[in-house]
Amino acid sequence: MTGKAQYFDAIGVFVLWATTISAMVAIVVIILTKLD
């Protein structure tokens, strides 16, 4: 059970990081397109 909990925690952290990075990339793209 402990292993499963850690596994799901890892998925949650991965999803959180993926969402954060996607948001940062989107912001950078918006800034670059506005500069052009």
Foldseek 3Di string as FASTA:
>chain_A
DVVVVVVVVVVVVVVVVVVVVVVVVVVVVVVVVVVD
